Protein backbone atom coordinates (compact mmCIF):
# COMPACT_ATOMS: atom_id res chain seq x y z
CA UNK A 1 71.67 191.61 -60.77
CA UNK A 2 72.42 188.44 -58.76
CA UNK A 3 71.60 185.07 -60.65
CA UNK A 4 71.95 181.90 -58.55
CA UNK A 5 75.06 179.88 -59.21
CA UNK A 6 73.39 176.33 -58.44
CA UNK A 7 70.07 175.05 -58.37
CA UNK A 8 68.42 175.13 -54.64
CA UNK A 9 67.87 171.74 -53.22
CA UNK A 10 64.43 170.30 -52.35
CA UNK A 11 65.65 170.24 -48.54
CA UNK A 12 66.66 173.75 -48.65
CA UNK A 13 63.70 174.75 -50.33
CA UNK A 14 61.64 173.05 -47.53
CA UNK A 15 63.48 174.67 -45.05
CA UNK A 16 62.85 177.90 -46.27
CA UNK A 17 59.10 177.29 -46.47
CA UNK A 18 58.80 175.57 -43.36
CA UNK A 19 56.73 178.47 -41.72
CA UNK A 20 54.24 178.91 -44.66
CA UNK A 21 51.90 176.03 -43.60
CA UNK A 22 48.31 177.13 -42.81
CA UNK A 23 46.72 176.12 -39.61
CA UNK A 24 43.24 176.01 -38.40
CA UNK A 25 41.62 178.86 -37.11
CA UNK A 26 41.48 179.65 -33.36
CA UNK A 27 37.87 179.27 -32.10
CA UNK A 28 36.41 180.67 -28.92
CA UNK A 29 33.00 180.68 -27.25
CA UNK A 30 30.69 183.58 -28.10
CA UNK A 31 29.86 185.48 -24.72
CA UNK A 32 26.39 185.97 -25.86
CA UNK A 33 25.12 182.84 -27.49
CA UNK A 34 27.98 180.34 -26.32
CA UNK A 35 28.31 178.85 -29.72
CA UNK A 36 31.86 178.39 -31.08
CA UNK A 37 33.15 181.32 -33.25
CA UNK A 38 36.24 182.77 -34.75
CA UNK A 39 38.28 185.03 -32.69
CA UNK A 40 37.85 188.95 -33.66
CA UNK A 41 35.15 187.95 -35.95
CA UNK A 42 31.20 188.45 -35.76
CA UNK A 43 29.26 185.45 -34.52
CA UNK A 44 27.56 183.88 -37.49
CA UNK A 45 24.84 182.62 -35.13
CA UNK A 46 23.80 185.53 -33.07
CA UNK A 47 25.38 188.40 -35.05
CA UNK A 48 26.96 189.99 -31.74
CA UNK A 49 30.59 191.34 -31.72
CA UNK A 50 32.02 193.02 -28.38
CA UNK A 51 28.73 192.79 -26.47
CA UNK A 52 27.03 194.63 -29.49
CA UNK A 53 24.59 193.47 -32.07
CA UNK A 54 26.47 194.26 -35.31
CA UNK A 55 24.53 191.98 -37.95
CA UNK A 56 20.95 191.10 -37.93
CA UNK A 57 20.74 187.29 -38.48
CA UNK A 58 17.51 186.59 -40.70
CA UNK A 59 16.04 183.14 -39.50
CA UNK A 60 14.25 180.92 -42.44
CA UNK A 61 10.32 181.26 -42.28
CA UNK A 62 8.51 178.38 -41.42
CA UNK A 63 8.43 175.80 -44.38
CA UNK A 64 11.21 177.47 -46.10
CA UNK A 65 14.54 175.60 -46.61
CA UNK A 66 17.87 177.38 -45.40
CA UNK A 67 20.22 177.94 -47.89
């Protein structure tokens, strides 16, 4: 079994992990309601995906606080 002979330096460790940074999700305009939504996801505003209604969005009743 291979065992490292020397400790990995901080610089070399950082070079190896340079591609692991998390970026912001890509957003696009929903073709149905024109709100910004994540790519390849159902629109959280109208519930449409790929031109079809997928999720029924419940609107809060009058006087009810949205949660």
